[in-house]
PDB file of N, CA and C in Angstrom:
ATOM      1  N   MET A   1       0.844  -1.183   0.000  1.00  0.00           N
ATOM      2  CA  MET A   1       0.000   0.000   0.000  1.00  0.00           C
ATOM      3  C   MET A   1       0.885   1.241   0.000  1.00  0.00           C
ATOM      4  N   SER A   2       0.599   2.136  -0.906  1.00  0.00           N
ATOM      5  CA  SER A   2       1.310   3.402  -0.995  1.00  0.00           C
ATOM      6  C   SER A   2       0.719   4.379   0.016  1.00  0.00           C
ATOM      7  N   ILE A   3       1.583   5.067   0.756  1.00  0.00           N
ATOM      8  CA  ILE A   3       1.123   6.039   1.751  1.00  0.00           C
ATOM      9  C   ILE A   3       1.058   7.401   1.074  1.00  0.00           C
ATOM     10  N   GLU A   4      -0.144   7.959   0.974  1.00  0.00           N
ATOM     11  CA  GLU A   4      -0.319   9.257   0.337  1.00  0.00           C
ATOM     12  C   GLU A   4      -1.497   9.984   0.958  1.00  0.00           C
ATOM     13  N   SER A   5      -1.504  11.306   0.792  1.00  0.00           N
ATOM     14  CA  SER A   5      -2.657  12.098   1.196  1.00  0.00           C
ATOM     15  C   SER A   5      -3.758  11.872   0.168  1.00  0.00           C
ATOM     16  N   PHE A   6      -5.015  11.895   0.636  1.00  0.00           N
ATOM     17  CA  PHE A   6      -6.106  11.635  -0.296  1.00  0.00           C
ATOM     18  C   PHE A   6      -7.390  12.297   0.188  1.00  0.00           C
ATOM     19  N   VAL A   7      -8.363  12.347  -0.716  1.00  0.00           N
ATOM     20  CA  VAL A   7      -9.679  12.895  -0.428  1.00  0.00           C
ATOM     21  C   VAL A   7     -10.697  11.782  -0.614  1.00  0.00           C
ATOM     22  N   ILE A   8     -11.536  11.572   0.400  1.00  0.00           N
ATOM     23  CA  ILE A   8     -12.665  10.661   0.274  1.00  0.00           C
ATOM     24  C   ILE A   8     -13.852  11.513  -0.164  1.00  0.00           C
ATOM     25  N   VAL A   9     -14.416  11.195  -1.308  1.00  0.00           N
ATOM     26  CA  VAL A   9     -15.537  11.950  -1.867  1.00  0.00           C
ATOM     27  C   VAL A   9     -16.837  11.252  -1.494  1.00  0.00           C
ATOM     28  N   GLY A  10     -17.863  12.011  -1.203  1.00  0.00           N
ATOM     29  CA  GLY A  10     -19.154  11.467  -0.780  1.00  0.00           C
ATOM     30  C   GLY A  10     -19.992  10.901  -1.897  1.00  0.00           C
ATOM     31  N   LEU A  11     -19.345  10.245  -2.848  1.00  0.00           N
ATOM     32  CA  LEU A  11     -20.022   9.561  -3.944  1.00  0.00           C
ATOM     33  C   LEU A  11     -19.451   8.154  -4.078  1.00  0.00           C
ATOM     34  N   THR A  12     -20.333   7.206  -4.380  1.00  0.00           N
ATOM     35  CA  THR A  12     -19.837   5.864  -4.661  1.00  0.00           C
ATOM     36  C   THR A  12     -19.176   5.874  -6.032  1.00  0.00           C
ATOM     37  N   ARG A  13     -18.471   4.814  -6.343  1.00  0.00           N
ATOM     38  CA  ARG A  13     -17.828   4.730  -7.660  1.00  0.00           C
ATOM     39  C   ARG A  13     -18.854   4.727  -8.784  1.00  0.00           C
ATOM     40  N   GLU A  14     -20.088   4.331  -8.460  1.00  0.00           N
ATOM     41  CA  GLU A  14     -21.171   4.368  -9.446  1.00  0.00           C
ATOM     42  C   GLU A  14     -21.818   5.743  -9.541  1.00  0.00           C
ATOM     43  N   GLY A  15     -21.396   6.685  -8.681  1.00  0.00           N
ATOM     44  CA  GLY A  15     -21.917   8.046  -8.734  1.00  0.00           C
ATOM     45  C   GLY A  15     -23.101   8.328  -7.832  1.00  0.00           C
ATOM     46  N   ARG A  16     -23.465   7.377  -6.963  1.00  0.00           N
ATOM     47  CA  ARG A  16     -24.562   7.612  -6.018  1.00  0.00           C
ATOM     48  C   ARG A  16     -24.063   8.394  -4.804  1.00  0.00           C
ATOM     49  N   LYS A  17     -24.913   9.295  -4.308  1.00  0.00           N
ATOM     50  CA  LYS A  17     -24.568  10.104  -3.131  1.00  0.00           C
ATOM     51  C   LYS A  17     -24.510   9.203  -1.905  1.00  0.00           C
ATOM     52  N   PHE A  18     -23.451   9.346  -1.098  1.00  0.00           N
ATOM     53  CA  PHE A  18     -23.280   8.544   0.107  1.00  0.00           C
ATOM     54  C   PHE A  18     -24.124   9.123   1.227  1.00  0.00           C
ATOM     55  N   ARG A  19     -24.773   8.273   1.972  1.00  0.00           N
ATOM     56  CA  ARG A  19     -25.629   8.652   3.092  1.00  0.00           C
ATOM     57  C   ARG A  19     -25.093   8.057   4.375  1.00  0.00           C
ATOM     58  N   PRO A  20     -25.328   8.655   5.525  1.00  0.00           N
ATOM     59  CA  PRO A  20     -26.163   9.822   5.768  1.00  0.00           C
ATOM     60  C   PRO A  20     -25.475  11.101   5.299  1.00  0.00           C
ATOM     61  N   SER A  21     -26.238  12.174   5.229  1.00  0.00           N
ATOM     62  CA  SER A  21     -25.705  13.421   4.679  1.00  0.00           C
ATOM     63  C   SER A  21     -24.589  14.019   5.537  1.00  0.00           C
ATOM     64  N   ASP A  22     -24.530  13.680   6.818  1.00  0.00           N
ATOM     65  CA  ASP A  22     -23.483  14.213   7.700  1.00  0.00           C
ATOM     66  C   ASP A  22     -22.330  13.225   7.889  1.00  0.00           C
ATOM     67  N   TRP A  23     -22.143  12.319   6.937  1.00  0.00           N
ATOM     68  CA  TRP A  23     -21.123  11.278   7.056  1.00  0.00           C
ATOM     69  C   TRP A  23     -19.732  11.870   7.274  1.00  0.00           C
ATOM     70  N   ALA A  24     -19.405  12.974   6.596  1.00  0.00           N
ATOM     71  CA  ALA A  24     -18.057  13.556   6.697  1.00  0.00           C
ATOM     72  C   ALA A  24     -17.793  14.059   8.118  1.00  0.00           C
ATOM     73  N   ASP A  25     -18.778  14.726   8.702  1.00  0.00           N
ATOM     74  CA  ASP A  25     -18.626  15.213  10.078  1.00  0.00           C
ATOM     75  C   ASP A  25     -18.509  14.046  11.054  1.00  0.00           C
ATOM     76  N   ARG A  26     -19.302  13.021  10.846  1.00  0.00           N
ATOM     77  CA  ARG A  26     -19.239  11.848  11.725  1.00  0.00           C
ATOM     78  C   ARG A  26     -17.880  11.163  11.636  1.00  0.00           C
ATOM     79  N   LEU A  27     -17.395  10.993  10.412  1.00  0.00           N
ATOM     80  CA  LEU A  27     -16.109  10.324  10.221  1.00  0.00           C
ATOM     81  C   LEU A  27     -14.977  11.131  10.863  1.00  0.00           C
ATOM     82  N   CYS A  28     -14.982  12.429  10.664  1.00  0.00           N
ATOM     83  CA  CYS A  28     -13.950  13.270  11.267  1.00  0.00           C
ATOM     84  C   CYS A  28     -14.112  13.339  12.780  1.00  0.00           C
ATOM     85  N   GLY A  29     -15.330  13.226  13.261  1.00  0.00           N
ATOM     86  CA  GLY A  29     -15.572  13.212  14.698  1.00  0.00           C
ATOM     87  C   GLY A  29     -14.907  12.036  15.385  1.00  0.00           C
ATOM     88  N   ILE A  30     -14.826  10.918  14.689  1.00  0.00           N
ATOM     89  CA  ILE A  30     -14.151   9.742  15.234  1.00  0.00           C
ATOM     90  C   ILE A  30     -12.677  10.048  15.483  1.00  0.00           C
ATOM     91  N   MET A  31     -12.093  10.889  14.648  1.00  0.00           N
ATOM     92  CA  MET A  31     -10.668  11.210  14.729  1.00  0.00           C
ATOM     93  C   MET A  31     -10.395  12.482  15.526  1.00  0.00           C
ATOM     94  N   SER A  32     -11.408  13.046  16.165  1.00  0.00           N
ATOM     95  CA  SER A  32     -11.230  14.305  16.893  1.00  0.00           C
ATOM     96  C   SER A  32     -10.867  14.053  18.353  1.00  0.00           C
ATOM     97  N   ALA A  33     -10.511  15.140  19.035  1.00  0.00           N
ATOM     98  CA  ALA A  33     -10.137  15.055  20.449  1.00  0.00           C
ATOM     99  C   ALA A  33     -10.575  16.346  21.138  1.00  0.00           C
ATOM    100  N   PHE A  34     -10.677  16.286  22.462  1.00  0.00           N
ATOM    101  CA  PHE A  34     -10.995  17.485  23.235  1.00  0.00           C
ATOM    102  C   PHE A  34      -9.725  18.278  23.477  1.00  0.00           C
ATOM    103  N   GLY A  35      -9.803  19.598  23.231  1.00  0.00           N
ATOM    104  CA  GLY A  35      -8.672  20.476  23.466  1.00  0.00           C
ATOM    105  C   GLY A  35      -8.679  21.012  24.889  1.00  0.00           C
ATOM    106  N   ALA A  36      -7.723  21.855  25.194  1.00  0.00           N
ATOM    107  CA  ALA A  36      -7.575  22.424  26.535  1.00  0.00           C
ATOM    108  C   ALA A  36      -8.800  23.242  26.939  1.00  0.00           C
ATOM    109  N   GLU A  37      -9.471  23.855  25.965  1.00  0.00           N
ATOM    110  CA  GLU A  37     -10.651  24.671  26.276  1.00  0.00           C
ATOM    111  C   GLU A  37     -11.922  23.815  26.372  1.00  0.00           C
ATOM    112  N   LYS A  38     -11.743  22.494  26.431  1.00  0.00           N
ATOM    113  CA  LYS A  38     -12.834  21.528  26.582  1.00  0.00           C
ATOM    114  C   LYS A  38     -13.827  21.580  25.436  1.00  0.00           C
ATOM    115  N   ARG A  39     -13.308  21.850  24.256  1.00  0.00           N
ATOM    116  CA  ARG A  39     -14.107  21.820  23.032  1.00  0.00           C
ATOM    117  C   ARG A  39     -13.540  20.760  22.116  1.00  0.00           C
ATOM    118  N   MET A  40     -14.431  20.109  21.384  1.00  0.00           N
ATOM    119  CA  MET A  40     -14.000  19.089  20.441  1.00  0.00           C
ATOM    120  C   MET A  40     -13.275  19.758  19.272  1.00  0.00           C
ATOM    121  N   ARG A  41     -12.138  19.190  18.903  1.00  0.00           N
ATOM    122  CA  ARG A  41     -11.357  19.712  17.776  1.00  0.00           C
ATOM    123  C   ARG A  41     -11.091  18.591  16.794  1.00  0.00           C
ATOM    124  N   TYR A  42     -11.310  18.899  15.531  1.00  0.00           N
ATOM    125  CA  TYR A  42     -10.967  17.931  14.491  1.00  0.00           C
ATOM    126  C   TYR A  42      -9.456  17.774  14.423  1.00  0.00           C
ATOM    127  N   SER A  43      -9.032  16.608  14.046  1.00  0.00           N
ATOM    128  CA  SER A  43      -7.611  16.360  13.833  1.00  0.00           C
ATOM    129  C   SER A  43      -7.121  17.217  12.670  1.00  0.00           C
ATOM    130  N   PRO A  44      -5.902  17.741  12.748  1.00  0.00           N
ATOM    131  CA  PRO A  44      -5.366  18.480  11.607  1.00  0.00           C
ATOM    132  C   PRO A  44      -5.065  17.565  10.419  1.00  0.00           C
ATOM    133  N   TYR A  45      -5.138  16.266  10.635  1.00  0.00           N
ATOM    134  CA  TYR A  45      -4.816  15.294   9.588  1.00  0.00           C
ATOM    135  C   TYR A  45      -6.047  14.694   8.926  1.00  0.00           C
ATOM    136  N   VAL A  46      -7.244  14.985   9.464  1.00  0.00           N
ATOM    137  CA  VAL A  46      -8.503  14.474   8.912  1.00  0.00           C
ATOM    138  C   VAL A  46      -9.515  15.608   9.002  1.00  0.00           C
ATOM    139  N   ARG A  47      -9.813  16.228   7.854  1.00  0.00           N
ATOM    140  CA  ARG A  47     -10.640  17.441   7.865  1.00  0.00           C
ATOM    141  C   ARG A  47     -11.882  17.284   6.993  1.00  0.00           C
ATOM    142  N   PRO A  48     -13.049  17.691   7.518  1.00  0.00           N
ATOM    143  CA  PRO A  48     -14.283  17.678   6.718  1.00  0.00           C
ATOM    144  C   PRO A  48     -14.517  19.033   6.066  1.00  0.00           C
ATOM    145  N   GLY A  49     -15.623  19.103   5.350  1.00  0.00           N
ATOM    146  CA  GLY A  49     -16.099  20.390   4.871  1.00  0.00           C
ATOM    147  C   GLY A  49     -15.586  20.803   3.518  1.00  0.00           C
ATOM    148  N   CYS A  50     -14.648  20.072   2.978  1.00  0.00           N
ATOM    149  CA  CYS A  50     -14.174  20.378   1.640  1.00  0.00           C
ATOM    150  C   CYS A  50     -15.227  19.908   0.647  1.00  0.00           C
ATOM    151  N   THR A  51     -15.347  20.585  -0.450  1.00  0.00           N
ATOM    152  CA  THR A  51     -16.249  20.123  -1.486  1.00  0.00           C
ATOM    153  C   THR A  51     -15.485  19.950  -2.784  1.00  0.00           C
ATOM    154  N   LEU A  52     -15.842  18.938  -3.487  1.00  0.00           N
ATOM    155  CA  LEU A  52     -15.232  18.635  -4.772  1.00  0.00           C
ATOM    156  C   LEU A  52     -16.398  18.370  -5.704  1.00  0.00           C
ATOM    157  N   GLY A  53     -16.646  19.272  -6.620  1.00  0.00           N
ATOM    158  CA  GLY A  53     -17.809  19.123  -7.486  1.00  0.00           C
ATOM    159  C   GLY A  53     -19.113  19.223  -6.722  1.00  0.00           C
ATOM    160  N   GLY A  54     -19.093  19.966  -5.592  1.00  0.00           N
ATOM    161  CA  GLY A  54     -20.293  20.146  -4.805  1.00  0.00           C
ATOM    162  C   GLY A  54     -20.589  19.024  -3.827  1.00  0.00           C
ATOM    163  N   GLU A  55     -19.749  18.027  -3.733  1.00  0.00           N
ATOM    164  CA  GLU A  55     -19.973  16.893  -2.829  1.00  0.00           C
ATOM    165  C   GLU A  55     -19.145  17.046  -1.560  1.00  0.00           C
ATOM    166  N   LYS A  56     -19.678  16.525  -0.464  1.00  0.00           N
ATOM    167  CA  LYS A  56     -18.931  16.533   0.795  1.00  0.00           C
ATOM    168  C   LYS A  56     -17.732  15.607   0.661  1.00  0.00           C
ATOM    169  N   CYS A  57     -16.648  16.019   1.298  1.00  0.00           N
ATOM    170  CA  CYS A  57     -15.398  15.265   1.227  1.00  0.00           C
ATOM    171  C   CYS A  57     -14.717  15.260   2.589  1.00  0.00           C
ATOM    172  N   VAL A  58     -13.776  14.352   2.720  1.00  0.00           N
ATOM    173  CA  VAL A  58     -12.894  14.313   3.877  1.00  0.00           C
ATOM    174  C   VAL A  58     -11.469  14.246   3.342  1.00  0.00           C
ATOM    175  N   VAL A  59     -10.631  15.176   3.803  1.00  0.00           N
ATOM    176  CA  VAL A  59      -9.227  15.216   3.399  1.00  0.00           C
ATOM    177  C   VAL A  59      -8.404  14.490   4.449  1.00  0.00           C
ATOM    178  N   VAL A  60      -7.591  13.530   4.002  1.00  0.00           N
ATOM    179  CA  VAL A  60      -6.749  12.735   4.897  1.00  0.00           C
ATOM    180  C   VAL A  60      -5.288  13.029   4.557  1.00  0.00           C
ATOM    181  N   ASP A  61      -4.562  13.548   5.528  1.00  0.00           N
ATOM    182  CA  ASP A  61      -3.148  13.869   5.356  1.00  0.00           C
ATOM    183  C   ASP A  61      -2.312  12.613   5.609  1.00  0.00           C
ATOM    184  N   LYS A  62      -1.350  12.361   4.738  1.00  0.00           N
ATOM    185  CA  LYS A  62      -0.535  11.147   4.870  1.00  0.00           C
ATOM    186  C   LYS A  62       0.278  11.122   6.162  1.00  0.00           C
ATOM    187  N   ARG A  63       0.514  12.277   6.795  1.00  0.00           N
ATOM    188  CA  ARG A  63       1.259  12.313   8.060  1.00  0.00           C
ATOM    189  C   ARG A  63       0.529  11.569   9.173  1.00  0.00           C
ATOM    190  N   LEU A  64      -0.789  11.373   8.996  1.00  0.00           N
ATOM    191  CA  LEU A  64      -1.546  10.584   9.963  1.00  0.00           C
ATOM    192  C   LEU A  64      -0.965   9.174  10.065  1.00  0.00           C
ATOM    193  N   HIS A  65      -0.490   8.643   8.957  1.00  0.00           N
ATOM    194  CA  HIS A  65       0.061   7.278   8.954  1.00  0.00           C
ATOM    195  C   HIS A  65       1.275   7.172   9.869  1.00  0.00           C
ATOM    196  N   GLU A  66       2.100   8.220   9.915  1.00  0.00           N
ATOM    197  CA  GLU A  66       3.285   8.213  10.781  1.00  0.00           C
ATOM    198  C   GLU A  66       2.895   8.213  12.260  1.00  0.00           C
ATOM    199  N   LEU A  67       1.813   8.945  12.589  1.00  0.00           N
ATOM    200  CA  LEU A  67       1.377   9.080  13.979  1.00  0.00           C
ATOM    201  C   LEU A  67       0.474   7.941  14.429  1.00  0.00           C
ATOM    202  N   GLU A  68      -0.459   7.568  13.576  1.00  0.00           N
ATOM    203  CA  GLU A  68      -1.462   6.547  13.901  1.00  0.00           C
ATOM    204  C   GLU A  68      -1.764   5.706  12.667  1.00  0.00           C
ATOM    205  N   PRO A  69      -0.910   4.738  12.355  1.00  0.00           N
ATOM    206  CA  PRO A  69      -1.144   3.938  11.144  1.00  0.00           C
ATOM    207  C   PRO A  69      -2.484   3.200  11.159  1.00  0.00           C
ATOM    208  N   LEU A  70      -2.971   2.789  12.329  1.00  0.00           N
ATOM    209  CA  LEU A  70      -4.269   2.109  12.379  1.00  0.00           C
ATOM    210  C   LEU A  70      -5.404   3.057  11.985  1.00  0.00           C
ATOM    211  N   ALA A  71      -5.320   4.306  12.394  1.00  0.00           N
ATOM    212  CA  ALA A  71      -6.339   5.292  12.033  1.00  0.00           C
ATOM    213  C   ALA A  71      -6.304   5.554  10.526  1.00  0.00           C
ATOM    214  N   TYR A  72      -5.122   5.696   9.969  1.00  0.00           N
ATOM    215  CA  TYR A  72      -4.970   5.902   8.526  1.00  0.00           C
ATOM    216  C   TYR A  72      -5.581   4.720   7.773  1.00  0.00           C
ATOM    217  N   ASN A  73      -5.239   3.512   8.194  1.00  0.00           N
ATOM    218  CA  ASN A  73      -5.765   2.314   7.529  1.00  0.00           C
ATOM    219  C   ASN A  73      -7.277   2.199   7.695  1.00  0.00           C
ATOM    220  N   PHE A  74      -7.806   2.624   8.842  1.00  0.00           N
ATOM    221  CA  PHE A  74      -9.248   2.635   9.042  1.00  0.00           C
ATOM    222  C   PHE A  74      -9.930   3.501   7.988  1.00  0.00           C
ATOM    223  N   LEU A  75      -9.374   4.699   7.729  1.00  0.00           N
ATOM    224  CA  LEU A  75      -9.965   5.609   6.749  1.00  0.00           C
ATOM    225  C   LEU A  75      -9.869   5.047   5.335  1.00  0.00           C
ATOM    226  N   VAL A  76      -8.733   4.432   5.006  1.00  0.00           N
ATOM    227  CA  VAL A  76      -8.579   3.784   3.698  1.00  0.00           C
ATOM    228  C   VAL A  76      -9.643   2.700   3.535  1.00  0.00           C
ATOM    229  N   ASN A  77      -9.790   1.877   4.571  1.00  0.00           N
ATOM    230  CA  ASN A  77     -10.755   0.772   4.500  1.00  0.00           C
ATOM    231  C   ASN A  77     -12.197   1.256   4.543  1.00  0.00           C
ATOM    232  N   PHE A  78     -12.480   2.355   5.234  1.00  0.00           N
ATOM    233  CA  PHE A  78     -13.823   2.931   5.238  1.00  0.00           C
ATOM    234  C   PHE A  78     -14.235   3.281   3.812  1.00  0.00           C
ATOM    235  N   ALA A  79     -13.347   3.955   3.106  1.00  0.00           N
ATOM    236  CA  ALA A  79     -13.646   4.332   1.720  1.00  0.00           C
ATOM    237  C   ALA A  79     -13.829   3.092   0.850  1.00  0.00           C
ATOM    238  N   LYS A  80     -12.958   2.124   1.026  1.00  0.00           N
ATOM    239  CA  LYS A  80     -13.032   0.904   0.224  1.00  0.00           C
ATOM    240  C   LYS A  80     -14.296   0.110   0.534  1.00  0.00           C
ATOM    241  N   ASP A  81     -14.594  -0.076   1.815  1.00  0.00           N
ATOM    242  CA  ASP A  81     -15.761  -0.860   2.225  1.00  0.00           C
ATOM    243  C   ASP A  81     -17.075  -0.235   1.764  1.00  0.00           C
ATOM    244  N   ASN A  82     -17.112   1.098   1.664  1.00  0.00           N
ATOM    245  CA  ASN A  82     -18.320   1.792   1.238  1.00  0.00           C
ATOM    246  C   ASN A  82     -18.305   2.153  -0.245  1.00  0.00           C
ATOM    247  N   ASP A  83     -17.302   1.655  -0.956  1.00  0.00           N
ATOM    248  CA  ASP A  83     -17.174   1.848  -2.409  1.00  0.00           C
ATOM    249  C   ASP A  83     -17.170   3.332  -2.788  1.00  0.00           C
ATOM    250  N   LEU A  84     -16.493   4.148  -1.956  1.00  0.00           N
ATOM    251  CA  LEU A  84     -16.456   5.592  -2.192  1.00  0.00           C
ATOM    252  C   LEU A  84     -15.310   5.979  -3.117  1.00  0.00           C
ATOM    253  N   GLN A  85     -15.518   7.067  -3.818  1.00  0.00           N
ATOM    254  CA  GLN A  85     -14.477   7.610  -4.688  1.00  0.00           C
ATOM    255  C   GLN A  85     -13.362   8.187  -3.817  1.00  0.00           C
ATOM    256  N   VAL A  86     -12.119   7.931  -4.221  1.00  0.00           N
ATOM    257  CA  VAL A  86     -10.947   8.439  -3.516  1.00  0.00           C
ATOM    258  C   VAL A  86     -10.039   9.099  -4.548  1.00  0.00           C
ATOM    259  N   ASP A  87      -9.646  10.322  -4.253  1.00  0.00           N
ATOM    260  CA  ASP A  87      -8.742  11.070  -5.131  1.00  0.00           C
ATOM    261  C   ASP A  87      -7.439  11.337  -4.395  1.00  0.00           C
ATOM    262  N   PRO A  88      -6.297  10.981  -4.988  1.00  0.00           N
ATOM    263  CA  PRO A  88      -5.015  11.284  -4.351  1.00  0.00           C
ATOM    264  C   PRO A  88      -4.753  12.789  -4.372  1.00  0.00           C
ATOM    265  N   LEU A  89      -3.994  13.256  -3.384  1.00  0.00           N
ATOM    266  CA  LEU A  89      -3.573  14.650  -3.319  1.00  0.00           C
ATOM    267  C   LEU A  89      -2.087  14.726  -3.610  1.00  0.00           C
ATOM    268  N   ALA A  90      -1.680  15.772  -4.315  1.00  0.00           N
ATOM    269  CA  ALA A  90      -0.258  15.974  -4.598  1.00  0.00           C
ATOM    270  C   ALA A  90       0.493  16.220  -3.311  1.00  0.00           C
ATOM    271  N   ASP A  91       1.719  15.743  -3.242  1.00  0.00           N
ATOM    272  CA  ASP A  91       2.564  15.946  -2.066  1.00  0.00           C
ATOM    273  C   ASP A  91       2.942  17.415  -1.998  1.00  0.00           C
ATOM    274  N   GLU A  92       2.580  18.067  -0.901  1.00  0.00           N
ATOM    275  CA  GLU A  92       2.818  19.509  -0.740  1.00  0.00           C
ATOM    276  C   GLU A  92       4.239  19.813  -0.311  1.00  0.00           C
ATOM    277  N   GLN A  93       5.018  18.796   0.029  1.00  0.00           N
ATOM    278  CA  GLN A  93       6.360  19.035   0.558  1.00  0.00           C
ATOM    279  C   GLN A  93       7.422  18.988  -0.526  1.00  0.00           C
ATOM    280  N   GLY A  94       7.004  19.110  -1.770  1.00  0.00           N
ATOM    281  CA  GLY A  94       7.966  19.217  -2.838  1.00  0.00           C
ATOM    282  C   GLY A  94       8.054  17.990  -3.593  1.00  0.00           C
TER     283      GLY A  94
END
């Protein structure tokens, strides 16, 4: 398996909209933690709210694999198990 940053798009490979409609927030919520101000914070490595062609997406940073390989693999398998579209992201570090 190649380790790369990627976007999980809220569409199946057949083009059907993935449900429930708040799936991206729920998925990122699994990877969130409480900060010092006792508020839930999304991980900087798993972010919701991006749109690609108007669809909800989740951006997964490859650095997550270095910190939590099981979490990274969970996200890869979530997309695969739900037959979701996945788009690789260019490496921003050159």
